[in-house]
Amino acid sequence: MSILLRAKLDAHYTEEFKHMYKHYGTVPPAELVAINLRMGFFRDYIVRRRPGDYQTTIERDWAFIAMREYRWDVTYLGAADALGAGLFLTILRQVQVKRFLIWPLFAAFPPVYLYSSYSRALFYNKKFFDMCNIGEQYELGRARNVILRYLNDLLHREDF
């Protein structure tokens, strides 16, 4: 994904979440159901399957690209956030007791990683779902469009 498109999408998703938090104080229940359905679809058709499992090259290519985006945006950046928080706490604790300690890194990494990866998946769920928009003639696109029709009825909007 190009740098300009990534920056534009990040700004759009940030504005969308700011709007939800400004008007509702949190993510509305219907939108939360939509997020869970989108991520459930993505988890079932992209994360739990290998790109080679698909019949056509277009599906394989888009599944590979979507999985790569998921790894970078959710897994690797979540791990980087957790590592940064763990190292910060390790340095802070070492300054406090004036000796070498490594346990704050191991204590902070799992909860920060779980929180960061969940919040990133929540933030980028629509991008991942839209990456699977390849057409009705493919298995991946057909399954996405079934979910999309249900989401359009649920959220009272016409998305494609």
Protein backbone atom coordinates (compact mmCIF):
# COMPACT_ATOMS: atom_id res chain seq x y z
CA MET A 1 0.00 0.00 0.00
CA SER A 2 1.41 3.38 -0.95
CA ILE A 3 2.53 5.85 1.68
CA LEU A 4 0.04 8.52 0.56
CA LEU A 5 -2.90 6.12 0.59
CA ARG A 6 -1.88 4.76 3.99
CA ALA A 7 -1.74 8.27 5.46
CA LYS A 8 -5.12 9.14 3.94
CA LEU A 9 -6.74 5.96 5.31
CA ASP A 10 -5.21 6.51 8.75
CA ALA A 11 -6.60 10.05 8.83
CA HIS A 12 -10.02 8.80 7.71
CA TYR A 13 -10.15 6.06 10.36
CA THR A 14 -8.97 8.48 13.03
CA GLU A 15 -11.73 10.94 12.13
CA GLU A 16 -14.31 8.15 12.12
CA PHE A 17 -13.31 7.00 15.61
CA LYS A 18 -13.17 10.58 16.92
CA HIS A 19 -16.68 11.13 15.58
CA MET A 20 -17.97 7.98 17.32
CA TYR A 21 -16.34 8.86 20.63
CA LYS A 22 -17.54 12.47 20.42
CA HIS A 23 -21.18 11.58 19.75
CA TYR A 24 -21.56 8.29 21.62
CA GLY A 25 -18.72 8.30 24.14
CA THR A 26 -17.70 4.85 22.93
CA VAL A 27 -18.13 2.58 19.94
CA PRO A 28 -21.91 2.13 19.41
CA PRO A 29 -23.26 -1.42 19.86
CA ALA A 30 -24.29 -1.82 16.20
CA GLU A 31 -20.86 -0.68 15.06
CA LEU A 32 -19.21 -3.08 17.53
CA VAL A 33 -21.25 -5.96 16.08
CA ALA A 34 -20.13 -4.86 12.60
CA ILE A 35 -16.49 -4.74 13.70
CA ASN A 36 -16.74 -8.22 15.19
CA LEU A 37 -18.35 -9.59 12.02
CA ARG A 38 -15.70 -7.98 9.80
CA MET A 39 -12.86 -9.31 11.93
CA GLY A 40 -14.51 -12.73 12.17
CA PHE A 41 -14.66 -12.89 8.38
CA PHE A 42 -11.06 -11.73 8.09
CA ARG A 43 -9.91 -14.20 10.71
CA ASP A 44 -11.73 -17.11 9.02
CA TYR A 45 -10.83 -16.36 5.40
CA ILE A 46 -7.39 -14.73 5.68
CA VAL A 47 -5.65 -15.36 9.01
CA ARG A 48 -6.61 -19.03 9.47
CA ARG A 49 -6.08 -19.97 5.83
CA ARG A 50 -2.98 -19.93 3.72
CA PRO A 51 -3.04 -17.92 0.49
CA GLY A 52 -2.28 -21.12 -1.43
CA ASP A 53 -5.63 -22.59 -0.36
CA TYR A 54 -7.49 -20.44 -2.87
CA GLN A 55 -8.17 -21.56 -6.45
CA THR A 56 -7.34 -18.43 -8.45
CA THR A 57 -4.24 -16.28 -8.53
CA ILE A 58 -6.22 -13.11 -7.80
CA GLU A 59 -7.55 -14.58 -4.55
CA ARG A 60 -4.09 -15.86 -3.60
CA ASP A 61 -2.50 -12.48 -4.30
CA TRP A 62 -5.08 -10.48 -2.35
CA ALA A 63 -5.07 -12.97 0.54
CA PHE A 64 -1.28 -12.66 0.71
CA ILE A 65 -1.41 -8.85 0.62
CA ALA A 66 -4.15 -8.70 3.26
CA MET A 67 -2.27 -11.10 5.52
CA ARG A 68 0.92 -9.07 5.12
CA GLU A 69 -0.93 -5.87 6.04
CA TYR A 70 -2.47 -7.61 9.06
CA ARG A 71 0.93 -8.85 10.23
CA TRP A 72 2.50 -5.41 9.98
CA ASP A 73 -0.39 -3.30 11.25
CA VAL A 74 -1.55 -5.56 14.08
CA THR A 75 1.06 -8.16 15.01
CA TYR A 76 4.40 -6.45 14.47
CA LEU A 77 3.36 -2.95 15.55
CA GLY A 78 1.57 -4.43 18.57
CA ALA A 79 4.78 -6.23 19.51
CA ALA A 80 6.75 -3.00 18.99
CA ASP A 81 4.36 -1.15 21.31
CA ALA A 82 4.70 -3.88 23.92
CA LEU A 83 8.48 -3.92 23.61
CA GLY A 84 8.63 -0.14 23.95
CA ALA A 85 6.43 -0.16 27.05
CA GLY A 86 8.40 -3.05 28.55
CA LEU A 87 11.74 -1.36 27.92
CA PHE A 88 10.45 1.91 29.34
CA LEU A 89 9.33 0.15 32.54
CA THR A 90 12.61 -1.76 32.71
CA ILE A 91 14.65 1.43 32.47
CA LEU A 92 12.38 3.18 34.96
CA ARG A 93 12.73 0.35 37.48
CA GLN A 94 16.51 0.16 36.97
CA VAL A 95 16.82 3.87 37.71
CA GLN A 96 14.72 3.43 40.85
CA VAL A 97 16.68 0.54 42.39
CA LYS A 98 20.07 1.34 40.78
CA ARG A 99 20.75 -2.20 39.54
CA PHE A 100 20.08 -4.32 36.46
CA LEU A 101 16.57 -5.78 36.28
CA ILE A 102 14.87 -7.38 33.31
CA TRP A 103 11.62 -8.68 34.82
CA PRO A 104 9.54 -5.53 34.07
CA LEU A 105 9.99 -6.24 30.37
CA PHE A 106 8.53 -9.73 30.73
CA ALA A 107 5.78 -8.54 33.06
CA ALA A 108 4.64 -5.70 30.78
CA PHE A 109 4.95 -7.35 27.37
CA PRO A 110 1.90 -9.72 27.34
CA PRO A 111 -0.82 -7.33 28.55
CA VAL A 112 0.43 -4.42 26.44
CA TYR A 113 0.70 -6.66 23.37
CA LEU A 114 -2.83 -8.01 23.85
CA TYR A 115 -4.27 -4.52 24.31
CA SER A 116 -2.31 -2.97 21.46
CA SER A 117 -3.04 -5.72 18.95
CA TYR A 118 -6.76 -5.67 19.84
CA SER A 119 -7.00 -1.89 19.53
CA ARG A 120 -5.12 -1.92 16.21
CA ALA A 121 -7.39 -4.67 14.85
CA LEU A 122 -10.38 -2.61 15.98
CA PHE A 123 -8.96 0.48 14.28
CA TYR A 124 -8.02 -1.17 10.96
CA ASN A 125 -10.88 -3.68 10.66
CA LYS A 126 -12.58 -1.87 7.77
CA LYS A 127 -9.33 -1.65 5.81
CA PHE A 128 -8.74 -5.38 6.16
CA PHE A 129 -12.34 -6.13 5.21
CA ASP A 130 -12.19 -3.84 2.16
CA MET A 131 -8.99 -5.50 0.96
CA CYS A 132 -11.05 -8.64 0.26
CA ASN A 133 -13.33 -6.82 -2.21
CA ILE A 134 -12.38 -8.75 -5.34
CA GLY A 135 -15.73 -9.58 -6.92
CA GLU A 136 -18.61 -12.03 -6.74
CA GLN A 137 -17.00 -14.55 -9.08
CA TYR A 138 -14.41 -15.48 -6.43
CA GLU A 139 -14.98 -17.39 -3.20
CA LEU A 140 -13.37 -14.68 -1.08
CA GLY A 141 -15.35 -11.84 -2.66
CA ARG A 142 -18.63 -13.77 -2.52
CA ALA A 143 -18.22 -14.50 1.20
CA ARG A 144 -17.29 -10.85 1.84
CA ASN A 145 -20.37 -9.61 0.01
CA VAL A 146 -22.67 -11.86 2.06
CA ILE A 147 -21.29 -10.26 5.24
CA LEU A 148 -21.45 -6.81 3.64
CA ARG A 149 -25.15 -7.12 2.79
CA TYR A 150 -25.90 -8.02 6.40
CA LEU A 151 -23.76 -5.11 7.65
CA ASN A 152 -25.54 -2.66 5.33
CA ASP A 153 -28.89 -3.71 6.81
CA LEU A 154 -27.51 -3.56 10.34
CA LEU A 155 -25.90 -0.12 10.05
CA HIS A 156 -28.52 1.40 7.72
CA ARG A 157 -26.00 2.47 5.12
CA GLU A 158 -25.22 1.56 1.55
CA ASP A 159 -21.62 0.44 1.36
CA PHE A 160 -19.96 -1.50 -1.41
